[in-house]
Structure formats: C-alpha cells, structure tokens
mmCIF file of all heavy atoms, coordinates in Angstrom:
data_MODEL
# 
_entry.id   MODEL 
# 
loop_
_atom_site.group_PDB 
_atom_site.id 
_atom_site.type_symbol 
_atom_site.label_atom_id 
_atom_site.label_alt_id 
_atom_site.label_comp_id 
_atom_site.label_asym_id 
_atom_site.label_entity_id 
_atom_site.label_seq_id 
_atom_site.pdbx_PDB_ins_code 
_atom_site.Cartn_x 
_atom_site.Cartn_y 
_atom_site.Cartn_z 
_atom_site.occupancy 
_atom_site.B_iso_or_equiv 
_atom_site.pdbx_formal_charge 
_atom_site.auth_seq_id 
_atom_site.auth_comp_id 
_atom_site.auth_asym_id 
_atom_site.auth_atom_id 
_atom_site.pdbx_PDB_model_num 
ATOM 1   N N   . VAL A 1 1  ? -53.591 71.080 -54.587 1.00 0.00 ? 1  VAL A N   1 
ATOM 2   C CA  . VAL A 1 1  ? -54.881 70.657 -55.131 1.00 0.00 ? 1  VAL A CA  1 
ATOM 3   C C   . VAL A 1 1  ? -54.835 69.134 -55.265 1.00 0.00 ? 1  VAL A C   1 
ATOM 4   O O   . VAL A 1 1  ? -53.907 68.574 -55.850 1.00 0.00 ? 1  VAL A O   1 
ATOM 5   C CB  . VAL A 1 1  ? -55.155 71.293 -56.502 1.00 0.00 ? 1  VAL A CB  1 
ATOM 6   C CG1 . VAL A 1 1  ? -56.496 70.810 -57.053 1.00 0.00 ? 1  VAL A CG1 1 
ATOM 7   C CG2 . VAL A 1 1  ? -55.137 72.812 -56.400 1.00 0.00 ? 1  VAL A CG2 1 
ATOM 8   N N   . VAL A 1 2  ? -55.821 68.461 -54.672 1.00 0.00 ? 2  VAL A N   1 
ATOM 9   C CA  . VAL A 1 2  ? -55.828 66.996 -54.649 1.00 0.00 ? 2  VAL A CA  1 
ATOM 10  C C   . VAL A 1 2  ? -57.109 66.467 -55.287 1.00 0.00 ? 2  VAL A C   1 
ATOM 11  O O   . VAL A 1 2  ? -58.086 67.199 -55.450 1.00 0.00 ? 2  VAL A O   1 
ATOM 12  C CB  . VAL A 1 2  ? -55.704 66.467 -53.195 1.00 0.00 ? 2  VAL A CB  1 
ATOM 13  C CG1 . VAL A 1 2  ? -54.325 66.778 -52.631 1.00 0.00 ? 2  VAL A CG1 1 
ATOM 14  C CG2 . VAL A 1 2  ? -56.798 67.062 -52.313 1.00 0.00 ? 2  VAL A CG2 1 
ATOM 15  N N   . PRO A 1 3  ? -57.127 65.190 -55.666 1.00 0.00 ? 3  PRO A N   1 
ATOM 16  C CA  . PRO A 1 3  ? -58.347 64.607 -56.243 1.00 0.00 ? 3  PRO A CA  1 
ATOM 17  C C   . PRO A 1 3  ? -59.496 64.638 -55.245 1.00 0.00 ? 3  PRO A C   1 
ATOM 18  O O   . PRO A 1 3  ? -59.271 64.640 -54.021 1.00 0.00 ? 3  PRO A O   1 
ATOM 19  C CB  . PRO A 1 3  ? -57.934 63.162 -56.556 1.00 0.00 ? 3  PRO A CB  1 
ATOM 20  C CG  . PRO A 1 3  ? -56.452 63.167 -56.587 1.00 0.00 ? 3  PRO A CG  1 
ATOM 21  C CD  . PRO A 1 3  ? -56.015 64.224 -55.626 1.00 0.00 ? 3  PRO A CD  1 
ATOM 22  N N   . PRO A 1 4  ? -60.720 64.623 -55.732 1.00 0.00 ? 4  PRO A N   1 
ATOM 23  C CA  . PRO A 1 4  ? -61.874 64.655 -54.818 1.00 0.00 ? 4  PRO A CA  1 
ATOM 24  C C   . PRO A 1 4  ? -61.950 63.429 -53.927 1.00 0.00 ? 4  PRO A C   1 
ATOM 25  O O   . PRO A 1 4  ? -62.593 63.461 -52.871 1.00 0.00 ? 4  PRO A O   1 
ATOM 26  C CB  . PRO A 1 4  ? -63.080 64.727 -55.761 1.00 0.00 ? 4  PRO A CB  1 
ATOM 27  C CG  . PRO A 1 4  ? -62.578 64.263 -57.090 1.00 0.00 ? 4  PRO A CG  1 
ATOM 28  C CD  . PRO A 1 4  ? -61.142 64.666 -57.152 1.00 0.00 ? 4  PRO A CD  1 
ATOM 29  N N   . GLU A 1 5  ? -61.269 62.345 -54.305 1.00 0.00 ? 5  GLU A N   1 
ATOM 30  C CA  . GLU A 1 5  ? -61.271 61.127 -53.488 1.00 0.00 ? 5  GLU A CA  1 
ATOM 31  C C   . GLU A 1 5  ? -60.351 61.249 -52.272 1.00 0.00 ? 5  GLU A C   1 
ATOM 32  O O   . GLU A 1 5  ? -60.435 60.456 -51.327 1.00 0.00 ? 5  GLU A O   1 
ATOM 33  C CB  . GLU A 1 5  ? -60.822 59.926 -54.322 1.00 0.00 ? 5  GLU A CB  1 
ATOM 34  C CG  . GLU A 1 5  ? -61.744 59.572 -55.475 1.00 0.00 ? 5  GLU A CG  1 
ATOM 35  C CD  . GLU A 1 5  ? -61.521 60.462 -56.688 1.00 0.00 ? 5  GLU A CD  1 
ATOM 36  O OE1 . GLU A 1 5  ? -60.461 61.139 -56.730 1.00 0.00 ? 5  GLU A OE1 1 
ATOM 37  O OE2 . GLU A 1 5  ? -62.395 60.488 -57.574 1.00 0.00 ? 5  GLU A OE2 1 
ATOM 38  N N   . PHE A 1 6  ? -59.456 62.243 -52.290 1.00 0.00 ? 6  PHE A N   1 
ATOM 39  C CA  . PHE A 1 6  ? -58.528 62.399 -51.162 1.00 0.00 ? 6  PHE A CA  1 
ATOM 40  C C   . PHE A 1 6  ? -59.286 62.814 -49.913 1.00 0.00 ? 6  PHE A C   1 
ATOM 41  O O   . PHE A 1 6  ? -60.138 63.700 -49.949 1.00 0.00 ? 6  PHE A O   1 
ATOM 42  C CB  . PHE A 1 6  ? -57.469 63.451 -51.481 1.00 0.00 ? 6  PHE A CB  1 
ATOM 43  C CG  . PHE A 1 6  ? -56.560 63.761 -50.315 1.00 0.00 ? 6  PHE A CG  1 
ATOM 44  C CD1 . PHE A 1 6  ? -55.423 63.003 -50.077 1.00 0.00 ? 6  PHE A CD1 1 
ATOM 45  C CD2 . PHE A 1 6  ? -56.860 64.797 -49.436 1.00 0.00 ? 6  PHE A CD2 1 
ATOM 46  C CE1 . PHE A 1 6  ? -54.604 63.278 -48.998 1.00 0.00 ? 6  PHE A CE1 1 
ATOM 47  C CE2 . PHE A 1 6  ? -56.045 65.078 -48.354 1.00 0.00 ? 6  PHE A CE2 1 
ATOM 48  C CZ  . PHE A 1 6  ? -54.910 64.319 -48.136 1.00 0.00 ? 6  PHE A CZ  1 
ATOM 49  N N   . HIS A 1 7  ? -58.953 62.185 -48.795 1.00 0.00 ? 7  HIS A N   1 
ATOM 50  C CA  . HIS A 1 7  ? -59.516 62.564 -47.495 1.00 0.00 ? 7  HIS A CA  1 
ATOM 51  C C   . HIS A 1 7  ? -58.372 62.581 -46.487 1.00 0.00 ? 7  HIS A C   1 
ATOM 52  O O   . HIS A 1 7  ? -57.630 61.603 -46.360 1.00 0.00 ? 7  HIS A O   1 
ATOM 53  C CB  . HIS A 1 7  ? -60.593 61.563 -47.061 1.00 0.00 ? 7  HIS A CB  1 
ATOM 54  C CG  . HIS A 1 7  ? -61.420 62.035 -45.909 1.00 0.00 ? 7  HIS A CG  1 
ATOM 55  N ND1 . HIS A 1 7  ? -60.950 62.059 -44.613 1.00 0.00 ? 7  HIS A ND1 1 
ATOM 56  C CD2 . HIS A 1 7  ? -62.707 62.508 -45.866 1.00 0.00 ? 7  HIS A CD2 1 
ATOM 57  C CE1 . HIS A 1 7  ? -61.901 62.514 -43.811 1.00 0.00 ? 7  HIS A CE1 1 
ATOM 58  N NE2 . HIS A 1 7  ? -62.973 62.798 -44.539 1.00 0.00 ? 7  HIS A NE2 1 
ATOM 59  N N   . SER A 1 8  ? -58.220 63.702 -45.792 1.00 0.00 ? 8  SER A N   1 
ATOM 60  C CA  . SER A 1 8  ? -57.067 63.858 -44.906 1.00 0.00 ? 8  SER A CA  1 
ATOM 61  C C   . SER A 1 8  ? -56.998 62.775 -43.836 1.00 0.00 ? 8  SER A C   1 
ATOM 62  O O   . SER A 1 8  ? -55.901 62.372 -43.417 1.00 0.00 ? 8  SER A O   1 
ATOM 63  C CB  . SER A 1 8  ? -57.092 65.235 -44.238 1.00 0.00 ? 8  SER A CB  1 
ATOM 64  O OG  . SER A 1 8  ? -58.317 65.450 -43.558 1.00 0.00 ? 8  SER A OG  1 
ATOM 65  N N   . ARG A 1 9  ? -58.141 62.279 -43.422 1.00 0.00 ? 9  ARG A N   1 
ATOM 66  C CA  . ARG A 1 9  ? -58.135 61.220 -42.406 1.00 0.00 ? 9  ARG A CA  1 
ATOM 67  C C   . ARG A 1 9  ? -58.121 59.827 -43.026 1.00 0.00 ? 9  ARG A C   1 
ATOM 68  O O   . ARG A 1 9  ? -57.276 58.996 -42.709 1.00 0.00 ? 9  ARG A O   1 
ATOM 69  C CB  . ARG A 1 9  ? -59.347 61.372 -41.495 1.00 0.00 ? 9  ARG A CB  1 
ATOM 70  C CG  . ARG A 1 9  ? -59.413 60.273 -40.434 1.00 0.00 ? 9  ARG A CG  1 
ATOM 71  C CD  . ARG A 1 9  ? -60.635 60.429 -39.554 1.00 0.00 ? 9  ARG A CD  1 
ATOM 72  N NE  . ARG A 1 9  ? -60.802 59.278 -38.705 1.00 0.00 ? 9  ARG A NE  1 
ATOM 73  C CZ  . ARG A 1 9  ? -61.931 58.977 -38.079 1.00 0.00 ? 9  ARG A CZ  1 
ATOM 74  N NH1 . ARG A 1 9  ? -62.976 59.748 -38.209 1.00 0.00 ? 9  ARG A NH1 1 
ATOM 75  N NH2 . ARG A 1 9  ? -62.015 57.914 -37.325 1.00 0.00 ? 9  ARG A NH2 1 
ATOM 76  N N   . PHE A 1 10 ? -59.050 59.566 -43.925 1.00 0.00 ? 10 PHE A N   1 
ATOM 77  C CA  . PHE A 1 10 ? -59.228 58.203 -44.418 1.00 0.00 ? 10 PHE A CA  1 
ATOM 78  C C   . PHE A 1 10 ? -58.211 57.794 -45.487 1.00 0.00 ? 10 PHE A C   1 
ATOM 79  O O   . PHE A 1 10 ? -58.039 56.608 -45.752 1.00 0.00 ? 10 PHE A O   1 
ATOM 80  C CB  . PHE A 1 10 ? -60.650 58.013 -44.941 1.00 0.00 ? 10 PHE A CB  1 
ATOM 81  C CG  . PHE A 1 10 ? -61.690 58.212 -43.875 1.00 0.00 ? 10 PHE A CG  1 
ATOM 82  C CD1 . PHE A 1 10 ? -62.643 59.200 -44.006 1.00 0.00 ? 10 PHE A CD1 1 
ATOM 83  C CD2 . PHE A 1 10 ? -61.696 57.417 -42.744 1.00 0.00 ? 10 PHE A CD2 1 
ATOM 84  C CE1 . PHE A 1 10 ? -63.601 59.390 -43.016 1.00 0.00 ? 10 PHE A CE1 1 
ATOM 85  C CE2 . PHE A 1 10 ? -62.652 57.599 -41.751 1.00 0.00 ? 10 PHE A CE2 1 
ATOM 86  C CZ  . PHE A 1 10 ? -63.601 58.586 -41.883 1.00 0.00 ? 10 PHE A CZ  1 
ATOM 87  N N   . SER A 1 11 ? -57.536 58.763 -46.096 1.00 0.00 ? 11 SER A N   1 
ATOM 88  C CA  . SER A 1 11 ? -56.485 58.432 -47.057 1.00 0.00 ? 11 SER A CA  1 
ATOM 89  C C   . SER A 1 11 ? -55.123 58.281 -46.380 1.00 0.00 ? 11 SER A C   1 
ATOM 90  O O   . SER A 1 11 ? -54.145 57.916 -47.038 1.00 0.00 ? 11 SER A O   1 
ATOM 91  C CB  . SER A 1 11 ? -56.396 59.504 -48.146 1.00 0.00 ? 11 SER A CB  1 
ATOM 92  O OG  . SER A 1 11 ? -57.587 59.578 -48.894 1.00 0.00 ? 11 SER A OG  1 
ATOM 93  N N   . ALA A 1 12 ? -55.043 58.580 -45.105 1.00 0.00 ? 12 ALA A N   1 
ATOM 94  C CA  . ALA A 1 12 ? -53.774 58.451 -44.382 1.00 0.00 ? 12 ALA A CA  1 
ATOM 95  C C   . ALA A 1 12 ? -53.440 56.978 -44.150 1.00 0.00 ? 12 ALA A C   1 
ATOM 96  O O   . ALA A 1 12 ? -54.292 56.207 -43.707 1.00 0.00 ? 12 ALA A O   1 
ATOM 97  C CB  . ALA A 1 12 ? -53.854 59.184 -43.043 1.00 0.00 ? 12 ALA A CB  1 
ATOM 98  N N   . THR A 1 13 ? -52.224 56.593 -44.483 1.00 0.00 ? 13 THR A N   1 
ATOM 99  C CA  . THR A 1 13 ? -51.793 55.203 -44.301 1.00 0.00 ? 13 THR A CA  1 
ATOM 100 C C   . THR A 1 13 ? -50.859 55.032 -43.109 1.00 0.00 ? 13 THR A C   1 
ATOM 101 O O   . THR A 1 13 ? -50.800 53.957 -42.526 1.00 0.00 ? 13 THR A O   1 
ATOM 102 C CB  . THR A 1 13 ? -51.100 54.678 -45.565 1.00 0.00 ? 13 THR A CB  1 
ATOM 103 O OG1 . THR A 1 13 ? -49.988 55.543 -45.883 1.00 0.00 ? 13 THR A OG1 1 
ATOM 104 C CG2 . THR A 1 13 ? -52.068 54.656 -46.742 1.00 0.00 ? 13 THR A CG2 1 
ATOM 105 N N   . SER A 1 14 ? -50.124 56.072 -42.747 1.00 0.00 ? 14 SER A N   1 
ATOM 106 C CA  . SER A 1 14 ? -49.284 56.006 -41.556 1.00 0.00 ? 14 SER A CA  1 
ATOM 107 C C   . SER A 1 14 ? -48.889 57.411 -41.122 1.00 0.00 ? 14 SER A C   1 
ATOM 108 O O   . SER A 1 14 ? -48.977 58.363 -41.908 1.00 0.00 ? 14 SER A O   1 
ATOM 109 C CB  . SER A 1 14 ? -48.030 55.149 -41.791 1.00 0.00 ? 14 SER A CB  1 
ATOM 110 O OG  . SER A 1 14 ? -47.135 55.791 -42.665 1.00 0.00 ? 14 SER A OG  1 
ATOM 111 N N   . LYS A 1 15 ? -48.465 57.513 -39.873 1.00 0.00 ? 15 LYS A N   1 
ATOM 112 C CA  . LYS A 1 15 ? -48.051 58.793 -39.303 1.00 0.00 ? 15 LYS A CA  1 
ATOM 113 C C   . LYS A 1 15 ? -46.752 58.607 -38.537 1.00 0.00 ? 15 LYS A C   1 
ATOM 114 O O   . LYS A 1 15 ? -46.486 57.527 -38.002 1.00 0.00 ? 15 LYS A O   1 
ATOM 115 C CB  . LYS A 1 15 ? -49.128 59.336 -38.362 1.00 0.00 ? 15 LYS A CB  1 
ATOM 116 C CG  . LYS A 1 15 ? -50.495 59.480 -39.004 1.00 0.00 ? 15 LYS A CG  1 
ATOM 117 C CD  . LYS A 1 15 ? -51.536 59.937 -37.995 1.00 0.00 ? 15 LYS A CD  1 
ATOM 118 C CE  . LYS A 1 15 ? -52.910 60.031 -38.646 1.00 0.00 ? 15 LYS A CE  1 
ATOM 119 N NZ  . LYS A 1 15 ? -53.463 58.711 -38.985 1.00 0.00 ? 15 LYS A NZ  1 
ATOM 120 N N   . VAL A 1 16 ? -45.964 59.663 -38.490 1.00 0.00 ? 16 VAL A N   1 
ATOM 121 C CA  . VAL A 1 16 ? -44.715 59.652 -37.724 1.00 0.00 ? 16 VAL A CA  1 
ATOM 122 C C   . VAL A 1 16 ? -44.802 60.717 -36.641 1.00 0.00 ? 16 VAL A C   1 
ATOM 123 O O   . VAL A 1 16 ? -45.029 61.902 -36.932 1.00 0.00 ? 16 VAL A O   1 
ATOM 124 C CB  . VAL A 1 16 ? -43.492 59.927 -38.617 1.00 0.00 ? 16 VAL A CB  1 
ATOM 125 C CG1 . VAL A 1 16 ? -42.219 60.000 -37.771 1.00 0.00 ? 16 VAL A CG1 1 
ATOM 126 C CG2 . VAL A 1 16 ? -43.356 58.851 -39.691 1.00 0.00 ? 16 VAL A CG2 1 
ATOM 127 N N   . TYR A 1 17 ? -44.624 60.290 -35.408 1.00 0.00 ? 17 TYR A N   1 
ATOM 128 C CA  . TYR A 1 17 ? -44.531 61.199 -34.274 1.00 0.00 ? 17 TYR A CA  1 
ATOM 129 C C   . TYR A 1 17 ? -43.119 61.185 -33.723 1.00 0.00 ? 17 TYR A C   1 
ATOM 130 O O   . TYR A 1 17 ? -42.445 60.148 -33.757 1.00 0.00 ? 17 TYR A O   1 
ATOM 131 C CB  . TYR A 1 17 ? -45.496 60.786 -33.161 1.00 0.00 ? 17 TYR A CB  1 
ATOM 132 C CG  . TYR A 1 17 ? -46.930 61.170 -33.429 1.00 0.00 ? 17 TYR A CG  1 
ATOM 133 C CD1 . TYR A 1 17 ? -47.796 60.290 -34.064 1.00 0.00 ? 17 TYR A CD1 1 
ATOM 134 C CD2 . TYR A 1 17 ? -47.419 62.414 -33.049 1.00 0.00 ? 17 TYR A CD2 1 
ATOM 135 C CE1 . TYR A 1 17 ? -49.112 60.641 -34.315 1.00 0.00 ? 17 TYR A CE1 1 
ATOM 136 C CE2 . TYR A 1 17 ? -48.733 62.773 -33.294 1.00 0.00 ? 17 TYR A CE2 1 
ATOM 137 C CZ  . TYR A 1 17 ? -49.572 61.885 -33.925 1.00 0.00 ? 17 TYR A CZ  1 
ATOM 138 O OH  . TYR A 1 17 ? -50.871 62.239 -34.170 1.00 0.00 ? 17 TYR A OH  1 
ATOM 139 N N   . ALA A 1 18 ? -42.681 62.316 -33.212 1.00 0.00 ? 18 ALA A N   1 
ATOM 140 C CA  . ALA A 1 18 ? -41.363 62.428 -32.596 1.00 0.00 ? 18 ALA A CA  1 
ATOM 141 C C   . ALA A 1 18 ? -41.527 62.901 -31.158 1.00 0.00 ? 18 ALA A C   1 
ATOM 142 O O   . ALA A 1 18 ? -42.349 63.786 -30.875 1.00 0.00 ? 18 ALA A O   1 
ATOM 143 C CB  . ALA A 1 18 ? -40.489 63.408 -33.372 1.00 0.00 ? 18 ALA A CB  1 
ATOM 144 N N   . TYR A 1 19 ? -40.735 62.320 -30.272 1.00 0.00 ? 19 TYR A N   1 
ATOM 145 C CA  . TYR A 1 19 ? -40.743 62.768 -28.877 1.00 0.00 ? 19 TYR A CA  1 
ATOM 146 C C   . TYR A 1 19 ? -39.306 63.079 -28.480 1.00 0.00 ? 19 TYR A C   1 
ATOM 147 O O   . TYR A 1 19 ? -38.406 62.250 -28.673 1.00 0.00 ? 19 TYR A O   1 
ATOM 148 C CB  . TYR A 1 19 ? -41.327 61.707 -27.936 1.00 0.00 ? 19 TYR A CB  1 
ATOM 149 C CG  . TYR A 1 19 ? -41.722 62.304 -26.605 1.00 0.00 ? 19 TYR A CG  1 
ATOM 150 C CD1 . TYR A 1 19 ? -43.033 62.666 -26.339 1.00 0.00 ? 19 TYR A CD1 1 
ATOM 151 C CD2 . TYR A 1 19 ? -40.755 62.560 -25.630 1.00 0.00 ? 19 TYR A CD2 1 
ATOM 152 C CE1 . TYR A 1 19 ? -43.389 63.269 -25.138 1.00 0.00 ? 19 TYR A CE1 1 
ATOM 153 C CE2 . TYR A 1 19 ? -41.109 63.162 -24.428 1.00 0.00 ? 19 TYR A CE2 1 
ATOM 154 C CZ  . TYR A 1 19 ? -42.420 63.516 -24.184 1.00 0.00 ? 19 TYR A CZ  1 
ATOM 155 O OH  . TYR A 1 19 ? -42.767 64.122 -23.002 1.00 0.00 ? 19 TYR A OH  1 
ATOM 156 N N   . THR A 1 20 ? -39.088 64.274 -27.913 1.00 0.00 ? 20 THR A N   1 
ATOM 157 C CA  . THR A 1 20 ? -37.738 64.745 -27.600 1.00 0.00 ? 20 THR A CA  1 
ATOM 158 C C   . THR A 1 20 ? -37.500 64.769 -26.094 1.00 0.00 ? 20 THR A C   1 
ATOM 159 O O   . THR A 1 20 ? -38.279 65.364 -25.344 1.00 0.00 ? 20 THR A O   1 
ATOM 160 C CB  . THR A 1 20 ? -37.500 66.146 -28.187 1.00 0.00 ? 20 THR A CB  1 
ATOM 161 O OG1 . THR A 1 20 ? -37.740 66.110 -29.596 1.00 0.00 ? 20 THR A OG1 1 
ATOM 162 C CG2 . THR A 1 20 ? -36.067 66.598 -27.934 1.00 0.00 ? 20 THR A CG2 1 
ATOM 163 N N   . ILE A 1 21 ? -36.417 64.131 -25.693 1.00 0.00 ? 21 ILE A N   1 
ATOM 164 C CA  . ILE A 1 21 ? -36.009 64.108 -24.285 1.00 0.00 ? 21 ILE A CA  1 
ATOM 165 C C   . ILE A 1 21 ? -34.715 64.896 -24.118 1.00 0.00 ? 21 ILE A C   1 
ATOM 166 O O   . ILE A 1 21 ? -33.762 64.738 -24.900 1.00 0.00 ? 21 ILE A O   1 
ATOM 167 C CB  . ILE A 1 21 ? -35.839 62.659 -23.790 1.00 0.00 ? 21 ILE A CB  1 
ATOM 168 C CG1 . ILE A 1 21 ? -37.208 61.973 -23.710 1.00 0.00 ? 21 ILE A CG1 1 
ATOM 169 C CG2 . ILE A 1 21 ? -35.147 62.622 -22.416 1.00 0.00 ? 21 ILE A CG2 1 
ATOM 170 C CD1 . ILE A 1 21 ? -37.170 60.552 -23.209 1.00 0.00 ? 21 ILE A CD1 1 
ATOM 171 N N   . TRP A 1 22 ? -34.691 65.742 -23.105 1.00 0.00 ? 22 TRP A N   1 
ATOM 172 C CA  . TRP A 1 22 ? -33.533 66.586 -22.774 1.00 0.00 ? 22 TRP A CA  1 
ATOM 173 C C   . TRP A 1 22 ? -32.771 65.908 -21.637 1.00 0.00 ? 22 TRP A C   1 
ATOM 174 O O   . TRP A 1 22 ? -33.341 65.624 -20.583 1.00 0.00 ? 22 TRP A O   1 
ATOM 175 C CB  . TRP A 1 22 ? -34.020 67.960 -22.345 1.00 0.00 ? 22 TRP A CB  1 
ATOM 176 C CG  . TRP A 1 22 ? -32.940 68.919 -21.959 1.00 0.00 ? 22 TRP A CG  1 
ATOM 177 C CD1 . TRP A 1 22 ? -32.344 69.040 -20.739 1.00 0.00 ? 22 TRP A CD1 1 
ATOM 178 C CD2 . TRP A 1 22 ? -32.326 69.897 -22.807 1.00 0.00 ? 22 TRP A CD2 1 
ATOM 179 N NE1 . TRP A 1 22 ? -31.399 70.030 -20.767 1.00 0.00 ? 22 TRP A NE1 1 
ATOM 180 C CE2 . TRP A 1 22 ? -31.368 70.568 -22.026 1.00 0.00 ? 22 TRP A CE2 1 
ATOM 181 C CE3 . TRP A 1 22 ? -32.505 70.261 -24.134 1.00 0.00 ? 22 TRP A CE3 1 
ATOM 182 C CZ2 . TRP A 1 22 ? -30.586 71.612 -22.543 1.00 0.00 ? 22 TRP A CZ2 1 
ATOM 183 C CZ3 . TRP A 1 22 ? -31.728 71.289 -24.642 1.00 0.00 ? 22 TRP A CZ3 1 
ATOM 184 C CH2 . TRP A 1 22 ? -30.784 71.951 -23.856 1.00 0.00 ? 22 TRP A CH2 1 
ATOM 185 N N   . SER A 1 23 ? -31.468 65.667 -21.821 1.00 0.00 ? 23 SER A N   1 
ATOM 186 C CA  . SER A 1 23 ? -30.715 64.843 -20.870 1.00 0.00 ? 23 SER A CA  1 
ATOM 187 C C   . SER A 1 23 ? -29.926 65.611 -19.819 1.00 0.00 ? 23 SER A C   1 
ATOM 188 O O   . SER A 1 23 ? -29.437 65.014 -18.853 1.00 0.00 ? 23 SER A O   1 
ATOM 189 C CB  . SER A 1 23 ? -29.736 63.940 -21.641 1.00 0.00 ? 23 SER A CB  1 
ATOM 190 O OG  . SER A 1 23 ? -28.789 64.724 -22.359 1.00 0.00 ? 23 SER A OG  1 
ATOM 191 N N   . GLU A 1 24 ? -29.785 66.922 -19.966 1.00 0.00 ? 24 GLU A N   1 
ATOM 192 C CA  . GLU A 1 24 ? -29.012 67.707 -19.003 1.00 0.00 ? 24 GLU A CA  1 
ATOM 193 C C   . GLU A 1 24 ? -29.913 68.163 -17.863 1.00 0.00 ? 24 GLU A C   1 
ATOM 194 O O   . GLU A 1 24 ? -30.901 68.870 -18.081 1.00 0.00 ? 24 GLU A O   1 
ATOM 195 C CB  . GLU A 1 24 ? -28.378 68.914 -19.697 1.00 0.00 ? 24 GLU A CB  1 
ATOM 196 C CG  . GLU A 1 24 ? -27.668 69.882 -18.767 1.00 0.00 ? 24 GLU A CG  1 
ATOM 197 C CD  . GLU A 1 24 ? -26.609 69.220 -17.904 1.00 0.00 ? 24 GLU A CD  1 
ATOM 198 O OE1 . GLU A 1 24 ? -25.650 68.639 -18.456 1.00 0.00 ? 24 GLU A OE1 1 
ATOM 199 O OE2 . GLU A 1 24 ? -26.765 69.275 -16.654 1.00 0.00 ? 24 GLU A OE2 1 
ATOM 200 N N   . LEU A 1 25 ? -29.581 67.754 -16.639 1.00 0.00 ? 25 LEU A N   1 
ATOM 201 C CA  . LEU A 1 25 ? -30.449 68.028 -15.497 1.00 0.00 ? 25 LEU A CA  1 
ATOM 202 C C   . LEU A 1 25 ? -30.296 69.446 -14.953 1.00 0.00 ? 25 LEU A C   1 
ATOM 203 O O   . LEU A 1 25 ? -31.225 70.001 -14.370 1.00 0.00 ? 25 LEU A O   1 
ATOM 204 C CB  . LEU A 1 25 ? -30.164 67.012 -14.382 1.00 0.00 ? 25 LEU A CB  1 
ATOM 205 C CG  . LEU A 1 25 ? -31.141 67.000 -13.200 1.00 0.00 ? 25 LEU A CG  1 
ATOM 206 C CD1 . LEU A 1 25 ? -32.561 66.714 -13.679 1.00 0.00 ? 25 LEU A CD1 1 
ATOM 207 C CD2 . LEU A 1 25 ? -30.720 65.966 -12.164 1.00 0.00 ? 25 LEU A CD2 1 
ATOM 208 N N   . GLU A 1 26 ? -29.131 70.075 -15.154 1.00 0.00 ? 26 GLU A N   1 
ATOM 209 C CA  . GLU A 1 26 ? -28.855 71.355 -14.503 1.00 0.00 ? 26 GLU A CA  1 
ATOM 210 C C   . GLU A 1 26 ? -29.432 72.559 -15.238 1.00 0.00 ? 26 GLU A C   1 
ATOM 211 O O   . GLU A 1 26 ? -29.546 73.639 -14.664 1.00 0.00 ? 26 GLU A O   1 
ATOM 212 C CB  . GLU A 1 26 ? -27.350 71.521 -14.313 1.00 0.00 ? 26 GLU A CB  1 
ATOM 213 C CG  . GLU A 1 26 ? -26.756 70.495 -13.347 1.00 0.00 ? 26 GLU A CG  1 
ATOM 214 C CD  . GLU A 1 26 ? -25.286 70.739 -13.072 1.00 0.00 ? 26 GLU A CD  1 
ATOM 215 O OE1 . GLU A 1 26 ? -24.731 71.710 -13.631 1.00 0.00 ? 26 GLU A OE1 1 
ATOM 216 O OE2 . GLU A 1 26 ? -24.705 69.964 -12.301 1.00 0.00 ? 26 GLU A OE2 1 
# 
C-alpha cells in the first residue's frame, strides 16, 4: 500500500537492466 502521490512511472528515479551472455559455443 503506497501513498496516493506514488506513480509507478513518474515516481521512478532509476532502473537496472541485466543482460546475460553465454560464452560456451558448443
């Protein structure tokens, strides 16, 4: 439960994305 001022988009200050690379070719 969050305050009515909270907005999932406009209250966001930063985001973390992860990208995974697989190194074994076989």
